[in-house]
Structures are given as structure tokens and as C-alpha cells.
Amino acid sequence: MEKSEPENVQAVTVSRLATAGGKAESLTVRRSPSPQANLPASPRPTWVATTTTVQLVGLGNYTHPGTRHNVGMMVLNAISHQHRLQWQDQRSVKGLTATLTESVVSKPSTPAHGKRRKETPAEREKRILDQLRAQIHSEFATGALDESAPLEPASSLRASPPPESAVEPQPVVEPVRWEITLLKPRVLMNISGVSVAKAVAELGIPVENVLVIHDDMQRDLGKVALKHGGSANGHNGIKSIIDHLRTNAFRRLRIGIGRPLQDDRSRDLVSDFVLGKFTPAERETLENVTYQTCLQQWPGLFLPSDDNRT
């Protein structure tokens, strides 16, 4: 009486045809089914496309072009010149706007090599059995199989590398596609928030994706610093934006314009200084150093970071 196999055991028999007067040979491999062995192949790396909307605001008094108080607008002019953008009078937001589409690479755009996970015993057994089947079928096809050729047991087969399904692909992220709106408010500095708030609402831009570029008397001429959130530090344009957005959670790129040579910090002296025009030497510093720094670094200002340089 034949002994029955347990229900959880699968028997696979690979037979060799009998030659004339010879005896047929067979090899039976018994194994327990494993869920891992029947898993579908891992999917290939997928591309994850992301789009980010950004608003760059250049502060200034549009009635006083070329003055120190307008350095924010001057930086936007440099960006628009580099990308050959055209300014449009957007009355609904009370300002001049220009649009730019930019791709910023934060991760390699080519598929990364996956990490090879350890092959399970069931997967290895199935792979070796598949190799054995392939070997015998090949010998049948070429006529190389005869009674003198010994049948190699599965244990003697050399294991080939695990299949691609044993490699876990790493996700690949496309360059981030940015839809950028440049804004120069056509209102006085101390009510700049009116224009900025209208643009944020109309374009649906998250407040944290707003970068305001403005002058800073606390820094030497041409020095650039990033600040994320915080108070207005006495800047009326920033104060107006905070009031109209009802939050201070936007980014600021502060451009140093220096300070009056005199120690007197009277209101009249400060007003005369910020509303005064840059000297030829100061403009040269801005064009050769500051603008180039902003053009090279501003995309990175929106990458996730805990750095809050002040």
C-alpha cells in the first residue's frame, strides 16, 4: 500500500526517458509550500513627479527705483533678466508679476541600485528545481541525454544568483517641478501686505512657500541671510505682510544695505539713507557678488532644512 503524502507537502517529479532495454530514472523533490515562493516579482522603480508652487516677492517703493529700500525688487529684476521673463501688470494683486517654471534636482534622476535581500529557503529550493528542469529539457532538445549520463541531484547544482525579484528597488524621485510667480508690489512699502495677500489667495500658494526678499540695515552691504518666520525686526514691509497674511510663517531673504556712517540713528537720517540711491561702487558690489549669490542659491532656500540663519 502506497504511503500518502501529507496535505501540506507538494511532490514534483522530473523523469528521464528510458532507453531501449534500459530503466527509466526519476528524481522526486518534496517541499512544503511557502507563501514567499509564490510572491509576484517586485515592481520596477517608479518615478514620483512632484510640483511645487512658489512665490518670490521683491519689496520696495515702486515710486523710488534704484534706491536702497528697493534692493528686493532689484534682485527680482536680476532673476527675471537671467530667465528672460516678461513682467505683466496684474491689477487683481496690485503688482507686477512674471512666471517661471524651474526643475530643481534634489535627488539623482537615475534609478538607484536596490539592496539585495536574503533569499528565503523556499525561494532557493524553487530556483534550484527550476535549474534542474531547464538542464534536463536542454539535454532532451540536444539529444545529449543518454543512459550513461548520470542524473545530478538537486543538491549538486551550483546555485545561480537570486533573480531580480529578490532585489528591492529603491524609489526614484524626479526633479521637483516648480511653478514660480515673481511679484513686485505696486503699492507703498508699508502696505506691501495688501499685494502679497491677494497674490497668495489668488494663486493658492502655501504661506510656507512664500519667499520675501527685502533690505536689511543690520547687515553689511551685499551680505545675504535667510530667515524662516519670526518678527519683522522693525521692517514696515514685513510687518504689513505679517498683518495681512495673519502669520509670520513665511521665508525672508535679507539683503544687507549697510547703515548710515553717522552714529545718529534719527528717523530722518534713516529715511534719507534707505531712500537714497546706491553709489556706483555699491551697485558694482551688488551686481558682481550679491545678485550672483542669490541667482545661484535661491532654489535651495525651499529645500527642507532645520537651518534658520539669522
C-alpha atoms as a PDB file:
ATOM      1  CA  MET A   1       0.000   0.000   0.000  1.00  0.00           C
ATOM      2  CA  GLU A   2       1.389   3.359  -1.053  1.00  0.00           C
ATOM      3  CA  LYS A   3       2.113   5.853   1.639  1.00  0.00           C
ATOM      4  CA  SER A   4       0.107   9.038   1.162  1.00  0.00           C
ATOM      5  CA  GLU A   5       1.763  12.429   1.361  1.00  0.00           C
ATOM      6  CA  PRO A   6       0.662  14.960   3.938  1.00  0.00           C
ATOM      7  CA  GLU A   7      -1.649  17.593   2.522  1.00  0.00           C
ATOM      8  CA  ASN A   8       0.886  20.362   3.038  1.00  0.00           C
ATOM      9  CA  VAL A   9       3.619  18.632   1.019  1.00  0.00           C
ATOM     10  CA  GLN A  10       3.952  19.033  -2.736  1.00  0.00           C
ATOM     11  CA  ALA A  11       5.781  16.386  -4.784  1.00  0.00           C
ATOM     12  CA  VAL A  12       7.449  17.293  -8.066  1.00  0.00           C
ATOM     13  CA  THR A  13       8.946  14.515 -10.174  1.00  0.00           C
ATOM     14  CA  VAL A  14      11.417  15.076 -13.002  1.00  0.00           C
ATOM     15  CA  SER A  15      11.735  11.916 -15.155  1.00  0.00           C
ATOM     16  CA  ARG A  16      14.276  10.795 -17.709  1.00  0.00           C
ATOM     17  CA  LEU A  17      13.038   8.691 -20.652  1.00  0.00           C
ATOM     18  CA  ALA A  18      14.077   5.048 -20.647  1.00  0.00           C
ATOM     19  CA  THR A  19      16.368   3.909 -23.422  1.00  0.00           C
ATOM     20  CA  ALA A  20      15.854   0.597 -25.195  1.00  0.00           C
ATOM     21  CA  GLY A  21      16.299  -2.157 -22.660  1.00  0.00           C
ATOM     22  CA  GLY A  22      17.092   0.382 -20.009  1.00  0.00           C
ATOM     23  CA  LYS A  23      15.278   1.586 -16.977  1.00  0.00           C
ATOM     24  CA  ALA A  24      13.647   4.960 -16.583  1.00  0.00           C
ATOM     25  CA  GLU A  25      15.119   7.194 -13.904  1.00  0.00           C
ATOM     26  CA  SER A  26      13.350   9.823 -11.926  1.00  0.00           C
ATOM     27  CA  LEU A  27      14.064  12.326  -9.204  1.00  0.00           C
ATOM     28  CA  THR A  28      11.355  13.419  -6.816  1.00  0.00           C
ATOM     29  CA  VAL A  29      11.689  16.564  -4.740  1.00  0.00           C
ATOM     30  CA  ARG A  30       9.250  17.112  -1.913  1.00  0.00           C
ATOM     31  CA  ARG A  31       8.805  20.511  -0.378  1.00  0.00           C
ATOM     32  CA  SER A  32       6.335  22.367   1.760  1.00  0.00           C
ATOM     33  CA  PRO A  33       4.624  25.290   0.063  1.00  0.00           C
ATOM     34  CA  SER A  34       5.765  28.726   1.196  1.00  0.00           C
ATOM     35  CA  PRO A  35       3.859  31.956   0.690  1.00  0.00           C
ATOM     36  CA  GLN A  36       7.123  33.749  -0.157  1.00  0.00           C
ATOM     37  CA  ALA A  37       7.773  31.388  -3.056  1.00  0.00           C
ATOM     38  CA  ASN A  38       4.624  32.497  -4.849  1.00  0.00           C
ATOM     39  CA  LEU A  39       5.027  36.216  -4.355  1.00  0.00           C
ATOM     40  CA  PRO A  40       4.873  38.263  -7.571  1.00  0.00           C
ATOM     41  CA  ALA A  41       8.057  39.873  -8.795  1.00  0.00           C
ATOM     42  CA  SER A  42       8.883  43.197  -7.190  1.00  0.00           C
ATOM     43  CA  PRO A  43       7.777  46.133  -9.334  1.00  0.00           C
ATOM     44  CA  ARG A  44      10.384  48.160 -11.123  1.00  0.00           C
ATOM     45  CA  PRO A  45      11.324  51.560  -9.688  1.00  0.00           C
ATOM     46  CA  THR A  46       8.584  54.094 -10.166  1.00  0.00           C
ATOM     47  CA  TRP A  47       9.025  57.790 -10.869  1.00  0.00           C
ATOM     48  CA  VAL A  48       7.316  60.156  -8.458  1.00  0.00           C
ATOM     49  CA  ALA A  49       6.603  63.507 -10.056  1.00  0.00           C
ATOM     50  CA  THR A  50       6.036  66.456  -7.731  1.00  0.00           C
ATOM     51  CA  THR A  51       5.080  70.047  -8.444  1.00  0.00           C
ATOM     52  CA  THR A  52       5.614  72.899  -6.007  1.00  0.00           C
ATOM     53  CA  THR A  53       4.138  76.384  -6.310  1.00  0.00           C
ATOM     54  CA  VAL A  54       6.376  79.171  -5.071  1.00  0.00           C
ATOM     55  CA  GLN A  55       6.089  82.933  -4.795  1.00  0.00           C
ATOM     56  CA  LEU A  56       9.100  85.257  -4.777  1.00  0.00           C
ATOM     57  CA  VAL A  57       8.314  88.754  -3.539  1.00  0.00           C
ATOM     58  CA  GLY A  58      10.676  91.673  -4.023  1.00  0.00           C
ATOM     59  CA  LEU A  59       9.895  94.544  -1.660  1.00  0.00           C
ATOM     60  CA  GLY A  60      10.477  98.195  -2.399  1.00  0.00           C
ATOM     61  CA  ASN A  61       8.864 101.528  -3.171  1.00  0.00           C
ATOM     62  CA  TYR A  62       7.991 101.340  -6.861  1.00  0.00           C
ATOM     63  CA  THR A  63       8.000 105.150  -6.962  1.00  0.00           C
ATOM     64  CA  HIS A  64      11.704 105.226  -5.976  1.00  0.00           C
ATOM     65  CA  PRO A  65      13.584 102.819  -8.284  1.00  0.00           C
ATOM     66  CA  GLY A  66      17.280 102.217  -7.701  1.00  0.00           C
ATOM     67  CA  THR A  67      17.214 103.116  -4.004  1.00  0.00           C
ATOM     68  CA  ARG A  68      18.474 101.007  -1.110  1.00  0.00           C
ATOM     69  CA  HIS A  69      14.930 100.304   0.046  1.00  0.00           C
ATOM     70  CA  ASN A  70      14.269  98.680  -3.357  1.00  0.00           C
ATOM     71  CA  VAL A  71      17.017  96.074  -3.279  1.00  0.00           C
ATOM     72  CA  GLY A  72      14.398  93.291  -3.080  1.00  0.00           C
ATOM     73  CA  MET A  73      12.894  94.383  -6.387  1.00  0.00           C
ATOM     74  CA  MET A  74      16.380  94.719  -7.854  1.00  0.00           C
ATOM     75  CA  VAL A  75      17.133  91.068  -7.038  1.00  0.00           C
ATOM     76  CA  LEU A  76      13.894  90.018  -8.776  1.00  0.00           C
ATOM     77  CA  ASN A  77      14.936  92.080 -11.790  1.00  0.00           C
ATOM     78  CA  ALA A  78      18.203  90.118 -11.913  1.00  0.00           C
ATOM     79  CA  ILE A  79      16.306  86.799 -11.765  1.00  0.00           C
ATOM     80  CA  SER A  80      13.851  87.865 -14.475  1.00  0.00           C
ATOM     81  CA  HIS A  81      16.731  89.084 -16.655  1.00  0.00           C
ATOM     82  CA  GLN A  82      18.568  85.772 -16.300  1.00  0.00           C
ATOM     83  CA  HIS A  83      15.471  83.809 -17.370  1.00  0.00           C
ATOM     84  CA  ARG A  84      14.267  86.414 -19.914  1.00  0.00           C
ATOM     85  CA  LEU A  85      10.902  86.826 -18.249  1.00  0.00           C
ATOM     86  CA  GLN A  86       8.278  89.398 -19.155  1.00  0.00           C
ATOM     87  CA  TRP A  87       6.578  91.439 -16.446  1.00  0.00           C
ATOM     88  CA  GLN A  88       2.789  91.773 -16.527  1.00  0.00           C
ATOM     89  CA  ASP A  89       0.690  94.357 -14.709  1.00  0.00           C
ATOM     90  CA  GLN A  90      -1.590  92.179 -12.567  1.00  0.00           C
ATOM     91  CA  ARG A  91      -4.136  94.633 -11.240  1.00  0.00           C
ATOM     92  CA  SER A  92      -6.016  91.980  -9.291  1.00  0.00           C
ATOM     93  CA  VAL A  93      -2.998  91.585  -6.996  1.00  0.00           C
ATOM     94  CA  LYS A  94      -1.848  95.209  -7.198  1.00  0.00           C
ATOM     95  CA  GLY A  95       1.569  94.359  -8.571  1.00  0.00           C
ATOM     96  CA  LEU A  96       3.786  93.302 -11.445  1.00  0.00           C
ATOM     97  CA  THR A  97       4.141  89.554 -11.930  1.00  0.00           C
ATOM     98  CA  ALA A  98       6.243  87.196 -14.011  1.00  0.00           C
ATOM     99  CA  THR A  99       6.071  83.407 -14.164  1.00  0.00           C
ATOM    100  CA  LEU A 100       8.834  80.842 -14.321  1.00  0.00           C
ATOM    101  CA  THR A 101       8.886  77.046 -14.478  1.00  0.00           C
ATOM    102  CA  GLU A 102      12.008  75.519 -12.997  1.00  0.00           C
ATOM    103  CA  SER A 103      13.179  71.976 -12.265  1.00  0.00           C
ATOM    104  CA  VAL A 104      15.277  71.512  -9.152  1.00  0.00           C
ATOM    105  CA  VAL A 105      17.134  68.228  -8.657  1.00  0.00           C
ATOM    106  CA  SER A 106      17.185  67.229  -5.006  1.00  0.00           C
ATOM    107  CA  LYS A 107      17.911  63.518  -5.672  1.00  0.00           C
ATOM    108  CA  PRO A 108      19.553  61.620  -8.538  1.00  0.00           C
ATOM    109  CA  SER A 109      17.198  61.280 -11.503  1.00  0.00           C
ATOM    110  CA  THR A 110      18.526  57.835 -12.471  1.00  0.00           C
ATOM    111  CA  PRO A 111      17.332  54.646 -10.747  1.00  0.00           C
ATOM    112  CA  ALA A 112      19.388  53.744  -7.701  1.00  0.00           C
ATOM    113  CA  HIS A 113      20.677  50.204  -7.234  1.00  0.00           C
ATOM    114  CA  GLY A 114      18.472  48.258  -4.870  1.00  0.00           C
ATOM    115  CA  LYS A 115      19.657  46.391  -1.832  1.00  0.00           C
ATOM    116  CA  ARG A 116      19.760  42.603  -2.232  1.00  0.00           C
ATOM    117  CA  ARG A 117      17.688  40.941   0.458  1.00  0.00           C
ATOM    118  CA  LYS A 118      18.428  37.475   1.767  1.00  0.00           C
ATOM    119  CA  GLU A 119      16.824  34.681  -0.267  1.00  0.00           C
ATOM    120  CA  THR A 120      14.401  32.500   1.699  1.00  0.00           C
ATOM    121  CA  PRO A 121      14.940  28.701   1.836  1.00  0.00           C
ATOM    122  CA  ALA A 122      11.743  28.117  -0.153  1.00  0.00           C
ATOM    123  CA  GLU A 123      12.860  30.549  -2.856  1.00  0.00           C
ATOM    124  CA  ARG A 124      16.268  28.885  -3.097  1.00  0.00           C
ATOM    125  CA  GLU A 125      14.719  25.402  -3.362  1.00  0.00           C
ATOM    126  CA  LYS A 126      12.344  26.548  -6.104  1.00  0.00           C
ATOM    127  CA  ARG A 127      15.179  28.225  -8.023  1.00  0.00           C
ATOM    128  CA  ILE A 128      17.357  25.087  -7.898  1.00  0.00           C
ATOM    129  CA  LEU A 129      14.450  22.935  -9.031  1.00  0.00           C
ATOM    130  CA  ASP A 130      13.828  25.281 -11.953  1.00  0.00           C
ATOM    131  CA  GLN A 131      17.506  24.978 -12.880  1.00  0.00           C
ATOM    132  CA  LEU A 132      17.212  21.185 -12.825  1.00  0.00           C
ATOM    133  CA  ARG A 133      14.172  21.247 -15.098  1.00  0.00           C
ATOM    134  CA  ALA A 134      15.941  23.584 -17.501  1.00  0.00           C
ATOM    135  CA  GLN A 135      19.025  21.338 -17.596  1.00  0.00           C
ATOM    136  CA  ILE A 136      17.027  18.201 -18.416  1.00  0.00           C
ATOM    137  CA  HIS A 137      14.880  19.933 -21.033  1.00  0.00           C
ATOM    138  CA  SER A 138      18.054  21.239 -22.657  1.00  0.00           C
ATOM    139  CA  GLU A 139      19.546  17.743 -22.778  1.00  0.00           C
ATOM    140  CA  PHE A 140      16.364  16.369 -24.330  1.00  0.00           C
ATOM    141  CA  ALA A 141      16.429  19.053 -27.001  1.00  0.00           C
ATOM    142  CA  THR A 142      20.067  18.445 -27.964  1.00  0.00           C
ATOM    143  CA  GLY A 143      19.982  14.649 -27.694  1.00  0.00           C
ATOM    144  CA  ALA A 144      22.736  14.730 -25.098  1.00  0.00           C
ATOM    145  CA  LEU A 145      20.763  12.756 -22.570  1.00  0.00           C
ATOM    146  CA  ASP A 146      21.519   9.021 -22.562  1.00  0.00           C
ATOM    147  CA  GLU A 147      21.658   6.187 -20.082  1.00  0.00           C
ATOM    148  CA  SER A 148      25.315   6.781 -19.392  1.00  0.00           C
ATOM    149  CA  ALA A 149      24.710  10.338 -18.276  1.00  0.00           C
ATOM    150  CA  PRO A 150      24.160  10.345 -14.518  1.00  0.00           C
ATOM    151  CA  LEU A 151      21.285  12.374 -13.206  1.00  0.00           C
ATOM    152  CA  GLU A 152      22.631  15.115 -10.969  1.00  0.00           C
ATOM    153  CA  PRO A 153      20.743  15.507  -7.722  1.00  0.00           C
ATOM    154  CA  ALA A 154      19.414  18.934  -6.944  1.00  0.00           C
ATOM    155  CA  SER A 155      21.885  19.339  -4.095  1.00  0.00           C
ATOM    156  CA  SER A 156      24.836  19.186  -6.507  1.00  0.00           C
ATOM    157  CA  LEU A 157      23.640  22.006  -8.737  1.00  0.00           C
ATOM    158  CA  ARG A 158      25.534  25.265  -8.384  1.00  0.00           C
ATOM    159  CA  ALA A 159      23.210  27.973  -7.238  1.00  0.00           C
ATOM    160  CA  SER A 160      22.982  30.899  -9.618  1.00  0.00           C
ATOM    161  CA  PRO A 161      22.456  34.438  -8.280  1.00  0.00           C
ATOM    162  CA  PRO A 162      18.964  35.163  -6.965  1.00  0.00           C
ATOM    163  CA  PRO A 163      16.540  36.580  -9.527  1.00  0.00           C
ATOM    164  CA  GLU A 164      15.644  40.249  -9.802  1.00  0.00           C
ATOM    165  CA  SER A 165      12.587  39.616  -7.644  1.00  0.00           C
ATOM    166  CA  ALA A 166      14.964  39.192  -4.700  1.00  0.00           C
ATOM    167  CA  VAL A 167      16.259  42.733  -5.184  1.00  0.00           C
ATOM    168  CA  GLU A 168      14.279  45.510  -3.602  1.00  0.00           C
ATOM    169  CA  PRO A 169      14.319  48.522  -5.958  1.00  0.00           C
ATOM    170  CA  GLN A 170      14.856  51.934  -4.444  1.00  0.00           C
ATOM    171  CA  PRO A 171      12.247  54.602  -5.190  1.00  0.00           C
ATOM    172  CA  VAL A 172      13.451  57.275  -7.573  1.00  0.00           C
ATOM    173  CA  VAL A 173      12.297  60.863  -7.337  1.00  0.00           C
ATOM    174  CA  GLU A 174      12.130  63.104 -10.370  1.00  0.00           C
ATOM    175  CA  PRO A 175      13.448  66.651 -10.182  1.00  0.00           C
ATOM    176  CA  VAL A 176      10.888  68.803  -8.403  1.00  0.00           C
ATOM    177  CA  ARG A 177       8.959  70.918 -10.898  1.00  0.00           C
ATOM    178  CA  TRP A 178       8.458  74.423  -9.585  1.00  0.00           C
ATOM    179  CA  GLU A 179       5.838  76.854 -10.772  1.00  0.00           C
ATOM    180  CA  ILE A 180       7.196  80.188  -9.603  1.00  0.00           C
ATOM    181  CA  THR A 181       5.496  83.568  -9.531  1.00  0.00           C
ATOM    182  CA  LEU A 182       7.656  86.665  -9.136  1.00  0.00           C
ATOM    183  CA  LEU A 183       5.828  89.600  -7.570  1.00  0.00           C
ATOM    184  CA  LYS A 184       6.768  93.272  -7.286  1.00  0.00           C
ATOM    185  CA  PRO A 185       4.005  95.050  -5.333  1.00  0.00           C
ATOM    186  CA  ARG A 186       2.898  98.348  -6.880  1.00  0.00           C
ATOM    187  CA  VAL A 187       1.986  99.821  -3.527  1.00  0.00           C
ATOM    188  CA  LEU A 188       3.953 101.710  -0.913  1.00  0.00           C
ATOM    189  CA  MET A 189       6.335  99.674   1.227  1.00  0.00           C
ATOM    190  CA  ASN A 190       4.319  99.951   4.429  1.00  0.00           C
ATOM    191  CA  ILE A 191       1.222  98.381   2.801  1.00  0.00           C
ATOM    192  CA  SER A 192       3.030  95.660   0.824  1.00  0.00           C
ATOM    193  CA  GLY A 193       0.967  93.033   2.617  1.00  0.00           C
ATOM    194  CA  VAL A 194      -2.120  94.005   0.607  1.00  0.00           C
ATOM    195  CA  SER A 195      -0.482  92.877  -2.645  1.00  0.00           C
ATOM    196  CA  VAL A 196       1.187  89.779  -1.191  1.00  0.00           C
ATOM    197  CA  ALA A 197      -2.007  88.516   0.481  1.00  0.00           C
ATOM    198  CA  LYS A 198      -4.018  88.972  -2.722  1.00  0.00           C
ATOM    199  CA  ALA A 199      -1.440  87.021  -4.743  1.00  0.00           C
ATOM    200  CA  VAL A 200      -1.272  84.186  -2.201  1.00  0.00           C
ATOM    201  CA  ALA A 201      -5.073  83.865  -2.193  1.00  0.00           C
ATOM    202  CA  GLU A 202      -5.485  84.118  -5.971  1.00  0.00           C
ATOM    203  CA  LEU A 203      -2.719  81.658  -6.844  1.00  0.00           C
ATOM    204  CA  GLY A 204      -3.345  79.258  -3.957  1.00  0.00           C
ATOM    205  CA  ILE A 205       0.271  79.318  -2.788  1.00  0.00           C
ATOM    206  CA  PRO A 206       1.049  77.899   0.674  1.00  0.00           C
ATOM    207  CA  VAL A 207       2.394  80.563   3.015  1.00  0.00           C
ATOM    208  CA  GLU A 208       5.495  78.473   3.742  1.00  0.00           C
ATOM    209  CA  ASN A 209       6.324  78.653   0.007  1.00  0.00           C
ATOM    210  CA  VAL A 210       6.490  82.439   0.029  1.00  0.00           C
ATOM    211  CA  LEU A 211       9.970  83.986  -0.007  1.00  0.00           C
ATOM    212  CA  VAL A 212      10.149  87.734   0.589  1.00  0.00           C
ATOM    213  CA  ILE A 213      13.354  89.483  -0.476  1.00  0.00           C
ATOM    214  CA  HIS A 214      13.985  92.754   1.322  1.00  0.00           C
ATOM    215  CA  ASP A 215      16.632  95.206   2.502  1.00  0.00           C
ATOM    216  CA  ASP A 216      18.318  94.865   5.881  1.00  0.00           C
ATOM    217  CA  MET A 217      20.207  97.671   7.587  1.00  0.00           C
ATOM    218  CA  GLN A 218      21.586  95.292  10.224  1.00  0.00           C
ATOM    219  CA  ARG A 219      23.949  93.676   7.695  1.00  0.00           C
ATOM    220  CA  ASP A 220      26.839  94.971   5.687  1.00  0.00           C
ATOM    221  CA  LEU A 221      26.298  95.810   2.055  1.00  0.00           C
ATOM    222  CA  GLY A 222      25.689  92.729  -0.084  1.00  0.00           C
ATOM    223  CA  LYS A 223      25.522  90.191   2.753  1.00  0.00           C
ATOM    224  CA  VAL A 224      22.682  87.691   2.334  1.00  0.00           C
ATOM    225  CA  ALA A 225      20.847  85.835   5.115  1.00  0.00           C
ATOM    226  CA  LEU A 226      17.818  83.559   5.249  1.00  0.00           C
ATOM    227  CA  LYS A 227      15.199  83.741   7.957  1.00  0.00           C
ATOM    228  CA  HIS A 228      12.166  81.475   8.333  1.00  0.00           C
ATOM    229  CA  GLY A 229       9.395  83.047  10.378  1.00  0.00           C
ATOM    230  CA  GLY A 230       9.919  85.376  13.293  1.00  0.00           C
ATOM    231  CA  SER A 231       9.257  89.046  13.862  1.00  0.00           C
ATOM    232  CA  ALA A 232       9.537  91.909  11.379  1.00  0.00           C
ATOM    233  CA  ASN A 233      12.653  93.328  13.090  1.00  0.00           C
ATOM    234  CA  GLY A 234      11.338  96.832  12.513  1.00  0.00           C
ATOM    235  CA  HIS A 235      10.836  96.438   8.751  1.00  0.00           C
ATOM    236  CA  ASN A 236       7.496  98.039   7.828  1.00  0.00           C
ATOM    237  CA  GLY A 237       7.054  95.981   4.656  1.00  0.00           C
ATOM    238  CA  ILE A 238       7.485  92.698   6.537  1.00  0.00           C
ATOM    239  CA  LYS A 239       5.181  93.932   9.301  1.00  0.00           C
ATOM    240  CA  SER A 240       2.463  94.658   6.742  1.00  0.00           C
ATOM    241  CA  ILE A 241       2.807  91.176   5.213  1.00  0.00           C
ATOM    242  CA  ILE A 242       2.546  89.527   8.641  1.00  0.00           C
ATOM    243  CA  ASP A 243      -0.582  91.553   9.396  1.00  0.00           C
ATOM    244  CA  HIS A 244      -2.345  90.702   6.116  1.00  0.00           C
ATOM    245  CA  LEU A 245      -1.350  87.023   5.983  1.00  0.00           C
ATOM    246  CA  ARG A 246      -2.106  86.711   9.711  1.00  0.00           C
ATOM    247  CA  THR A 247       1.015  84.626  10.138  1.00  0.00           C
ATOM    248  CA  ASN A 248       4.771  85.071  10.171  1.00  0.00           C
ATOM    249  CA  ALA A 249       5.471  81.570   8.804  1.00  0.00           C
ATOM    250  CA  PHE A 250       6.965  82.737   5.507  1.00  0.00           C
ATOM    251  CA  ARG A 251      10.608  82.908   4.495  1.00  0.00           C
ATOM    252  CA  ARG A 252      12.676  86.057   4.137  1.00  0.00           C
ATOM    253  CA  LEU A 253      15.872  86.614   2.211  1.00  0.00           C
ATOM    254  CA  ARG A 254      17.518  89.634   3.773  1.00  0.00           C
ATOM    255  CA  ILE A 255      19.941  91.668   1.687  1.00  0.00           C
ATOM    256  CA  GLY A 256      22.377  93.861   3.599  1.00  0.00           C
ATOM    257  CA  ILE A 257      22.441  97.520   2.567  1.00  0.00           C
ATOM    258  CA  GLY A 258      24.737  98.797   5.320  1.00  0.00           C
ATOM    259  CA  ARG A 259      23.907 101.681   7.606  1.00  0.00           C
ATOM    260  CA  PRO A 260      24.470 105.439   7.802  1.00  0.00           C
ATOM    261  CA  LEU A 261      28.060 106.385   8.569  1.00  0.00           C
ATOM    262  CA  GLN A 262      26.970 108.664  11.378  1.00  0.00           C
ATOM    263  CA  ASP A 263      26.087 107.276  14.772  1.00  0.00           C
ATOM    264  CA  ASP A 264      22.910 109.314  14.756  1.00  0.00           C
ATOM    265  CA  ARG A 265      20.011 106.902  14.207  1.00  0.00           C
ATOM    266  CA  SER A 266      17.337 109.567  13.955  1.00  0.00           C
ATOM    267  CA  ARG A 267      14.287 108.803  11.854  1.00  0.00           C
ATOM    268  CA  ASP A 268      15.154 111.427   9.259  1.00  0.00           C
ATOM    269  CA  LEU A 269      18.682 110.103   8.802  1.00  0.00           C
ATOM    270  CA  VAL A 270      17.467 106.514   8.378  1.00  0.00           C
ATOM    271  CA  SER A 271      14.777 107.576   5.896  1.00  0.00           C
ATOM    272  CA  ASP A 272      17.260 109.583   3.864  1.00  0.00           C
ATOM    273  CA  PHE A 273      19.628 106.617   3.829  1.00  0.00           C
ATOM    274  CA  VAL A 274      17.165 103.906   2.713  1.00  0.00           C
ATOM    275  CA  LEU A 275      15.580 106.204   0.144  1.00  0.00           C
ATOM    276  CA  GLY A 276      18.975 107.223  -1.212  1.00  0.00           C
ATOM    277  CA  LYS A 277      20.403 105.589  -4.323  1.00  0.00           C
ATOM    278  CA  PHE A 278      23.323 103.183  -4.298  1.00  0.00           C
ATOM    279  CA  THR A 279      26.683 104.634  -5.222  1.00  0.00           C
ATOM    280  CA  PRO A 280      28.413 103.257  -8.354  1.00  0.00           C
ATOM    281  CA  ALA A 281      30.764 101.214  -6.147  1.00  0.00           C
ATOM    282  CA  GLU A 282      27.832  99.796  -4.169  1.00  0.00           C
ATOM    283  CA  ARG A 283      25.982  98.857  -7.353  1.00  0.00           C
ATOM    284  CA  GLU A 284      29.083  97.056  -8.581  1.00  0.00           C
ATOM    285  CA  THR A 285      29.177  95.010  -5.371  1.00  0.00           C
ATOM    286  CA  LEU A 286      25.516  94.115  -5.739  1.00  0.00           C
ATOM    287  CA  GLU A 287      25.836  93.114  -9.395  1.00  0.00           C
ATOM    288  CA  ASN A 288      29.071  91.130  -9.073  1.00  0.00           C
ATOM    289  CA  VAL A 289      28.528  89.484  -5.699  1.00  0.00           C
ATOM    290  CA  THR A 290      25.034  89.743  -4.221  1.00  0.00           C
ATOM    291  CA  TYR A 291      22.983  89.096  -7.331  1.00  0.00           C
ATOM    292  CA  GLN A 292      25.169  86.146  -8.297  1.00  0.00           C
ATOM    293  CA  THR A 293      24.793  84.656  -4.814  1.00  0.00           C
ATOM    294  CA  CYS A 294      21.017  84.973  -4.989  1.00  0.00           C
ATOM    295  CA  LEU A 295      20.833  83.548  -8.521  1.00  0.00           C
ATOM    296  CA  GLN A 296      22.857  80.504  -7.504  1.00  0.00           C
ATOM    297  CA  GLN A 297      21.356  79.813  -4.095  1.00  0.00           C
ATOM    298  CA  TRP A 298      17.701  80.855  -4.052  1.00  0.00           C
ATOM    299  CA  PRO A 299      16.326  77.484  -5.309  1.00  0.00           C
ATOM    300  CA  GLY A 300      17.941  75.714  -2.343  1.00  0.00           C
ATOM    301  CA  LEU A 301      16.145  78.008   0.078  1.00  0.00           C
ATOM    302  CA  PHE A 302      12.976  75.939  -0.336  1.00  0.00           C
ATOM    303  CA  LEU A 303      14.568  72.552   0.354  1.00  0.00           C
ATOM    304  CA  PRO A 304      13.632  71.073   3.762  1.00  0.00           C
ATOM    305  CA  SER A 305      16.048  72.255   6.406  1.00  0.00           C
ATOM    306  CA  ASP A 306      16.133  72.998  10.094  1.00  0.00           C
ATOM    307  CA  ASP A 307      18.650  75.749   9.455  1.00  0.00           C
ATOM    308  CA  ASN A 308      17.264  79.165  10.386  1.00  0.00           C
ATOM    309  CA  ARG A 309      20.124  81.520   9.796  1.00  0.00           C
ATOM    310  CA  THR A 310      19.702  84.940  11.286  1.00  0.00           C
END
